[in-house]
N, C-alpha and C. Protein backbone atom coordinates (compact mmCIF):
# COMPACT_ATOMS: atom_id res chain seq x y z
N MET A 1 -73.28 5.34 -19.55
CA MET A 1 -72.76 6.52 -19.69
C MET A 1 -72.11 7.02 -20.88
N ALA A 2 -70.96 6.37 -21.20
CA ALA A 2 -70.48 6.91 -22.70
C ALA A 2 -71.25 6.03 -23.54
N LEU A 3 -72.17 5.27 -24.02
CA LEU A 3 -73.16 5.00 -24.94
C LEU A 3 -73.94 5.97 -24.90
N GLN A 4 -74.67 6.79 -24.09
CA GLN A 4 -75.24 7.69 -23.84
C GLN A 4 -74.82 9.03 -24.54
N GLU A 5 -73.81 9.41 -24.28
CA GLU A 5 -73.22 10.09 -24.81
C GLU A 5 -72.80 10.41 -26.28
N LEU A 6 -72.28 9.12 -26.82
CA LEU A 6 -72.24 8.82 -27.94
C LEU A 6 -73.65 8.84 -29.27
N ASP A 7 -74.70 8.75 -28.37
CA ASP A 7 -75.82 8.47 -28.80
C ASP A 7 -76.49 9.99 -29.19
N LYS A 8 -76.15 10.89 -28.53
CA LYS A 8 -76.24 12.54 -28.62
C LYS A 8 -76.09 12.89 -29.93
N ASN A 9 -74.97 12.79 -30.43
CA ASN A 9 -74.49 12.95 -31.84
C ASN A 9 -75.13 12.51 -33.04
N LYS A 10 -74.86 12.68 -34.34
CA LYS A 10 -75.51 12.06 -35.60
C LYS A 10 -74.33 10.91 -35.67
N PRO A 11 -74.53 9.52 -35.79
CA PRO A 11 -73.31 9.08 -36.10
C PRO A 11 -72.38 8.77 -37.05
N THR A 12 -71.19 8.36 -36.61
CA THR A 12 -70.01 8.74 -37.62
C THR A 12 -69.30 7.34 -37.29
N PHE A 13 -68.43 7.28 -38.23
CA PHE A 13 -67.53 6.09 -38.20
C PHE A 13 -66.96 6.01 -36.85
N LEU A 14 -66.23 6.95 -36.26
CA LEU A 14 -65.50 6.64 -35.00
C LEU A 14 -66.98 6.54 -33.70
N SER A 15 -67.75 7.37 -33.98
CA SER A 15 -69.00 6.73 -32.87
C SER A 15 -68.99 5.26 -32.97
N ASN A 16 -69.60 4.98 -34.03
CA ASN A 16 -69.94 3.43 -34.34
C ASN A 16 -68.91 2.86 -33.79
N TYR A 17 -67.80 2.80 -34.07
CA TYR A 17 -66.69 2.10 -34.07
C TYR A 17 -66.43 2.29 -31.85
N LYS A 18 -66.62 3.27 -31.68
CA LYS A 18 -66.48 3.47 -30.26
C LYS A 18 -67.69 2.44 -29.25
N LYS A 19 -68.75 2.75 -29.95
CA LYS A 19 -69.68 1.83 -29.39
C LYS A 19 -69.84 0.26 -29.46
N ALA A 20 -68.95 0.03 -30.95
CA ALA A 20 -68.53 -1.77 -30.97
C ALA A 20 -67.69 -2.01 -29.83
N MET A 21 -66.41 -0.85 -29.48
CA MET A 21 -65.45 -1.35 -28.63
C MET A 21 -65.95 -1.50 -27.01
N ILE A 22 -66.98 -0.39 -26.72
CA ILE A 22 -67.51 -0.80 -25.49
C ILE A 22 -68.41 -2.27 -25.27
N TYR A 23 -69.16 -2.44 -26.48
CA TYR A 23 -69.71 -3.75 -26.19
C TYR A 23 -68.85 -4.99 -26.09
N GLU A 24 -67.92 -4.79 -27.27
CA GLU A 24 -67.04 -5.72 -26.82
C GLU A 24 -66.45 -5.86 -25.76
N SER A 25 -65.91 -4.92 -24.75
CA SER A 25 -65.44 -4.90 -23.80
C SER A 25 -66.46 -5.72 -22.78
N ILE A 26 -67.76 -5.70 -22.65
CA ILE A 26 -69.08 -6.17 -21.99
C ILE A 26 -69.38 -7.62 -22.71
N ASP A 27 -68.33 -8.00 -23.59
CA ASP A 27 -68.70 -9.41 -24.45
C ASP A 27 -69.78 -9.38 -25.17
N ASP A 28 -70.58 -8.47 -25.36
CA ASP A 28 -71.74 -8.28 -26.00
C ASP A 28 -71.32 -8.52 -27.79
N PHE A 29 -70.79 -9.28 -28.19
CA PHE A 29 -70.08 -9.46 -29.66
C PHE A 29 -71.26 -9.32 -30.58
N LYS A 30 -72.42 -9.58 -30.37
CA LYS A 30 -73.73 -9.50 -31.30
C LYS A 30 -73.85 -7.63 -31.50
N LYS A 31 -74.09 -7.19 -30.34
CA LYS A 31 -73.66 -5.91 -30.75
C LYS A 31 -72.68 -5.09 -31.25
N SER A 32 -71.63 -5.57 -30.45
CA SER A 32 -70.08 -5.06 -31.21
C SER A 32 -70.30 -5.21 -32.91
N ALA A 33 -70.59 -6.33 -33.39
CA ALA A 33 -70.72 -6.50 -34.75
C ALA A 33 -71.62 -5.56 -35.56
N GLU A 34 -72.85 -5.63 -35.08
CA GLU A 34 -73.63 -4.30 -35.52
C GLU A 34 -73.03 -3.37 -35.47
N PHE A 35 -72.40 -2.72 -34.62
CA PHE A 35 -71.86 -0.99 -34.55
C PHE A 35 -70.43 -1.21 -35.40
N LEU A 36 -69.59 -2.25 -35.73
CA LEU A 36 -68.51 -2.50 -36.73
C LEU A 36 -69.10 -2.04 -37.88
N GLU A 37 -70.14 -3.09 -38.19
CA GLU A 37 -70.91 -3.18 -39.69
C GLU A 37 -70.71 -1.67 -39.92
N LYS A 38 -71.83 -1.03 -38.89
CA LYS A 38 -72.11 0.48 -39.15
C LYS A 38 -70.89 1.44 -39.67
N ALA A 39 -69.71 0.86 -38.82
CA ALA A 39 -68.69 1.56 -39.23
C ALA A 39 -67.98 1.59 -40.49
N THR A 40 -67.93 0.63 -40.79
CA THR A 40 -67.25 0.27 -42.00
C THR A 40 -67.81 0.91 -43.01
N VAL A 41 -69.42 1.35 -43.46
CA VAL A 41 -70.18 1.59 -44.26
C VAL A 41 -69.90 3.17 -44.40
N PHE A 42 -69.14 3.82 -43.11
CA PHE A 42 -68.37 5.05 -43.37
C PHE A 42 -66.91 5.26 -44.06
N LYS A 43 -66.35 4.39 -43.64
CA LYS A 43 -64.98 4.28 -43.76
C LYS A 43 -64.80 2.64 -43.93
N GLY A 44 -64.22 2.21 -45.31
CA GLY A 44 -63.71 0.94 -45.33
C GLY A 44 -62.28 0.22 -44.72
N ASP A 45 -62.35 0.97 -43.65
CA ASP A 45 -60.83 0.62 -42.92
C ASP A 45 -60.50 -0.97 -42.66
N GLU A 46 -59.44 -1.25 -42.96
CA GLU A 46 -58.87 -2.65 -42.94
C GLU A 46 -58.82 -3.64 -41.44
N LYS A 47 -58.43 -2.67 -40.51
CA LYS A 47 -58.58 -2.80 -39.10
C LYS A 47 -59.78 -3.19 -38.64
N VAL A 48 -60.30 -2.64 -39.01
CA VAL A 48 -62.23 -2.31 -38.32
C VAL A 48 -62.58 -3.56 -38.93
N LYS A 49 -62.22 -3.59 -40.21
CA LYS A 49 -63.05 -5.11 -40.77
C LYS A 49 -62.19 -6.26 -40.63
N LEU A 50 -60.82 -6.24 -40.29
CA LEU A 50 -60.64 -7.20 -39.64
C LEU A 50 -60.83 -7.65 -38.15
N LYS A 51 -61.47 -6.31 -37.30
CA LYS A 51 -61.76 -6.52 -36.16
C LYS A 51 -63.55 -7.27 -36.27
N LEU A 52 -64.00 -6.73 -37.28
CA LEU A 52 -65.65 -7.28 -37.58
C LEU A 52 -65.34 -8.65 -38.04
N ALA A 53 -64.43 -9.29 -38.51
CA ALA A 53 -64.02 -10.50 -38.91
C ALA A 53 -63.96 -11.59 -38.00
N LYS A 54 -63.35 -11.17 -36.88
CA LYS A 54 -62.96 -11.89 -35.66
C LYS A 54 -63.73 -11.93 -34.64
N THR A 55 -65.12 -10.76 -34.51
CA THR A 55 -66.42 -10.73 -33.99
C THR A 55 -66.99 -11.60 -34.59
N TYR A 56 -67.15 -11.88 -36.06
CA TYR A 56 -67.91 -12.82 -36.52
C TYR A 56 -67.31 -14.43 -36.23
N GLN A 57 -65.94 -14.42 -35.97
CA GLN A 57 -65.66 -15.50 -35.41
C GLN A 57 -66.29 -16.32 -34.29
N ARG A 58 -66.06 -14.77 -33.56
CA ARG A 58 -66.05 -15.25 -31.91
C ARG A 58 -68.10 -15.77 -31.83
N LEU A 59 -68.93 -14.91 -32.80
CA LEU A 59 -70.14 -15.32 -33.05
C LEU A 59 -70.45 -16.83 -33.66
N LYS A 60 -69.57 -17.24 -33.95
CA LYS A 60 -69.94 -18.60 -35.12
C LYS A 60 -70.34 -18.16 -36.52
N ILE A 61 -70.08 -16.66 -36.96
CA ILE A 61 -70.42 -16.74 -38.40
C ILE A 61 -69.57 -17.08 -38.91
N SER A 62 -69.03 -18.26 -39.34
CA SER A 62 -67.64 -18.36 -40.24
C SER A 62 -67.51 -17.43 -41.57
N ASN A 63 -68.70 -17.84 -42.08
CA ASN A 63 -68.96 -17.41 -43.93
C ASN A 63 -68.93 -15.91 -44.13
N LYS A 64 -69.31 -15.11 -42.87
CA LYS A 64 -69.27 -13.53 -42.90
C LYS A 64 -67.95 -13.42 -42.75
N ALA A 65 -66.77 -13.98 -41.73
CA ALA A 65 -65.57 -13.96 -41.45
C ALA A 65 -65.03 -14.21 -42.76
N VAL A 66 -65.30 -15.17 -43.09
CA VAL A 66 -64.26 -15.77 -44.49
C VAL A 66 -64.31 -14.79 -45.54
N LYS A 67 -65.85 -14.21 -45.61
CA LYS A 67 -65.10 -13.20 -46.85
C LYS A 67 -65.07 -11.84 -46.80
N ILE A 68 -64.67 -11.23 -45.52
CA ILE A 68 -63.78 -10.26 -44.99
C ILE A 68 -62.36 -10.72 -45.11
N TYR A 69 -61.76 -11.69 -44.55
CA TYR A 69 -60.60 -12.09 -44.73
C TYR A 69 -60.07 -12.48 -46.24
N GLU A 70 -61.00 -13.11 -47.03
CA GLU A 70 -60.83 -13.23 -48.31
C GLU A 70 -60.32 -11.64 -49.03
N GLU A 71 -61.55 -10.86 -48.73
CA GLU A 71 -61.04 -9.63 -49.36
C GLU A 71 -59.98 -8.87 -48.66
N ILE A 72 -59.42 -9.08 -47.33
CA ILE A 72 -58.22 -8.22 -47.01
C ILE A 72 -56.97 -9.25 -47.59
N VAL A 73 -57.15 -10.41 -47.87
CA VAL A 73 -55.88 -11.30 -48.09
C VAL A 73 -55.75 -10.71 -49.88
N ALA A 74 -56.67 -10.50 -50.36
CA ALA A 74 -56.57 -10.18 -52.03
C ALA A 74 -56.05 -9.21 -52.18
N LYS A 75 -56.42 -8.11 -51.17
CA LYS A 75 -55.24 -6.64 -51.29
C LYS A 75 -54.05 -7.00 -50.46
N ASP A 76 -53.57 -7.75 -49.41
CA ASP A 76 -52.70 -7.81 -48.38
C ASP A 76 -52.17 -9.47 -49.24
N SER A 77 -51.77 -9.72 -50.03
CA SER A 77 -51.38 -11.15 -50.20
C SER A 77 -50.13 -11.71 -49.33
N LEU A 78 -49.21 -10.88 -49.04
CA LEU A 78 -48.33 -11.12 -48.49
C LEU A 78 -48.33 -11.40 -46.95
N ASN A 79 -49.29 -11.11 -46.39
CA ASN A 79 -49.70 -11.32 -45.25
C ASN A 79 -49.59 -12.47 -44.73
N LEU A 80 -48.64 -13.23 -44.44
CA LEU A 80 -49.23 -15.02 -44.34
C LEU A 80 -49.65 -15.20 -42.89
N VAL A 81 -49.90 -14.62 -41.99
CA VAL A 81 -50.64 -14.56 -40.84
C VAL A 81 -52.14 -14.76 -41.12
N LEU A 82 -52.66 -13.54 -41.95
CA LEU A 82 -53.93 -13.21 -42.34
C LEU A 82 -54.08 -14.86 -42.94
N LYS A 83 -53.49 -15.29 -44.34
CA LYS A 83 -53.47 -16.57 -44.79
C LYS A 83 -53.73 -17.78 -44.17
N TYR A 84 -52.94 -17.32 -43.28
CA TYR A 84 -53.16 -19.12 -41.87
C TYR A 84 -54.33 -18.70 -41.24
N GLN A 85 -54.56 -17.71 -40.93
CA GLN A 85 -56.15 -17.59 -40.01
C GLN A 85 -57.47 -17.89 -41.35
N LEU A 86 -57.20 -17.45 -42.43
CA LEU A 86 -58.13 -17.52 -43.39
C LEU A 86 -58.35 -19.25 -43.72
N GLY A 87 -57.07 -19.90 -43.83
CA GLY A 87 -56.83 -21.25 -43.88
C GLY A 87 -57.65 -22.26 -42.58
N LYS A 88 -57.61 -21.45 -41.43
CA LYS A 88 -58.23 -22.11 -39.83
C LYS A 88 -59.49 -21.79 -40.38
N LEU A 89 -60.09 -20.83 -40.75
CA LEU A 89 -61.47 -20.58 -41.30
C LEU A 89 -61.98 -21.47 -42.36
N TYR A 90 -61.29 -21.88 -43.33
CA TYR A 90 -61.71 -22.79 -44.20
C TYR A 90 -61.75 -24.12 -43.58
N LEU A 91 -61.14 -24.42 -42.73
CA LEU A 91 -61.48 -25.76 -42.14
C LEU A 91 -62.75 -25.42 -41.23
N ASN A 92 -63.05 -24.90 -40.61
CA ASN A 92 -63.95 -24.39 -40.05
C ASN A 92 -65.31 -24.38 -40.80
N THR A 93 -65.26 -24.17 -41.84
CA THR A 93 -66.33 -24.11 -42.77
C THR A 93 -66.33 -25.26 -43.79
N LYS A 94 -65.45 -26.28 -43.38
CA LYS A 94 -65.94 -27.29 -44.22
C LYS A 94 -65.14 -27.10 -45.77
N ASP A 95 -64.37 -26.47 -46.02
CA ASP A 95 -63.49 -26.16 -47.33
C ASP A 95 -62.31 -26.38 -47.15
N ALA A 96 -62.20 -27.63 -46.95
CA ALA A 96 -60.87 -28.43 -46.89
C ALA A 96 -59.87 -28.01 -48.14
N ASP A 97 -60.38 -27.86 -49.27
CA ASP A 97 -59.84 -27.94 -50.29
C ASP A 97 -58.92 -26.69 -50.25
N LYS A 98 -59.63 -25.62 -50.27
CA LYS A 98 -59.43 -24.31 -49.84
C LYS A 98 -58.01 -24.25 -49.03
N ALA A 99 -58.30 -24.68 -47.64
CA ALA A 99 -57.39 -24.83 -46.59
C ALA A 99 -56.05 -25.13 -46.76
N VAL A 100 -56.26 -26.74 -47.32
CA VAL A 100 -55.14 -27.24 -47.90
C VAL A 100 -54.30 -26.35 -48.62
N ARG A 101 -55.01 -25.95 -50.14
CA ARG A 101 -54.10 -24.69 -51.08
C ARG A 101 -53.36 -23.82 -50.13
N ILE A 102 -54.23 -23.40 -49.13
CA ILE A 102 -53.50 -22.03 -48.19
C ILE A 102 -52.29 -22.83 -47.65
N PHE A 103 -52.46 -23.90 -47.03
CA PHE A 103 -51.56 -24.34 -46.07
C PHE A 103 -50.20 -24.83 -46.46
N LYS A 104 -50.57 -25.39 -47.94
CA LYS A 104 -49.68 -25.68 -48.69
C LYS A 104 -48.37 -24.55 -49.22
N TYR A 105 -49.29 -23.24 -49.62
CA TYR A 105 -48.80 -22.26 -50.17
C TYR A 105 -48.11 -21.62 -48.90
N LEU A 106 -48.45 -21.58 -47.85
CA LEU A 106 -47.66 -21.16 -46.27
C LEU A 106 -46.12 -22.15 -46.20
N ILE A 107 -46.51 -23.30 -46.41
CA ILE A 107 -45.31 -24.35 -46.18
C ILE A 107 -44.11 -23.90 -47.21
N ASP A 108 -44.60 -23.70 -48.44
CA ASP A 108 -43.37 -23.46 -49.67
C ASP A 108 -42.84 -22.17 -49.71
N ASN A 109 -43.69 -21.14 -49.16
CA ASN A 109 -43.08 -19.86 -49.00
C ASN A 109 -42.64 -19.43 -47.65
N ASP A 110 -43.08 -20.17 -46.59
CA ASP A 110 -42.31 -19.84 -45.25
C ASP A 110 -42.57 -20.95 -44.16
N ALA A 111 -41.60 -21.88 -44.63
CA ALA A 111 -41.86 -23.34 -44.06
C ALA A 111 -41.17 -23.04 -42.45
N LEU A 112 -40.76 -22.13 -41.98
CA LEU A 112 -39.81 -21.73 -40.90
C LEU A 112 -40.63 -20.84 -40.00
N ASN A 113 -41.93 -20.61 -39.87
CA ASN A 113 -42.47 -19.67 -39.56
C ASN A 113 -43.49 -20.63 -38.53
N ALA A 114 -42.90 -20.06 -37.14
CA ALA A 114 -43.63 -20.85 -35.70
C ALA A 114 -45.21 -20.90 -36.16
N ILE A 115 -46.14 -20.05 -36.61
CA ILE A 115 -47.31 -20.17 -36.27
C ILE A 115 -47.91 -21.44 -37.39
N ILE A 116 -47.01 -21.97 -38.19
CA ILE A 116 -47.58 -22.55 -39.13
C ILE A 116 -47.37 -24.58 -38.59
N PRO A 117 -47.89 -25.41 -38.25
CA PRO A 117 -47.92 -26.63 -37.51
C PRO A 117 -47.30 -27.20 -38.68
N ILE A 118 -46.55 -27.84 -38.99
CA ILE A 118 -46.16 -29.06 -39.69
C ILE A 118 -45.93 -30.16 -39.16
N ASN A 119 -46.93 -30.98 -39.12
CA ASN A 119 -46.96 -32.46 -38.30
C ASN A 119 -47.24 -33.37 -39.85
């Protein structure tokens, strides 16, 4: 019903985002990604891009997720949680050198942070 209402009007950032959230709520991540991509064309919202990256991770499309994380981290270099997520993605994509650089950076700059496993 909600999707039919959203389809009645011309697509916008908000309508595409709402469709993406509806599809995500029913675990249709492929459709969710499709509408998040469309939403980012209207507006380059960082939160929506991050949601898209996480959706790509769920779909096992790590390379697309990495590109988005790299873009966001380049703009927000102090966000250590995003850097950590990017490091984990690098491990998933078999880019160990980049992962090691990020994890070393995180340990050097925030060794007491609970999200960084130091073993």
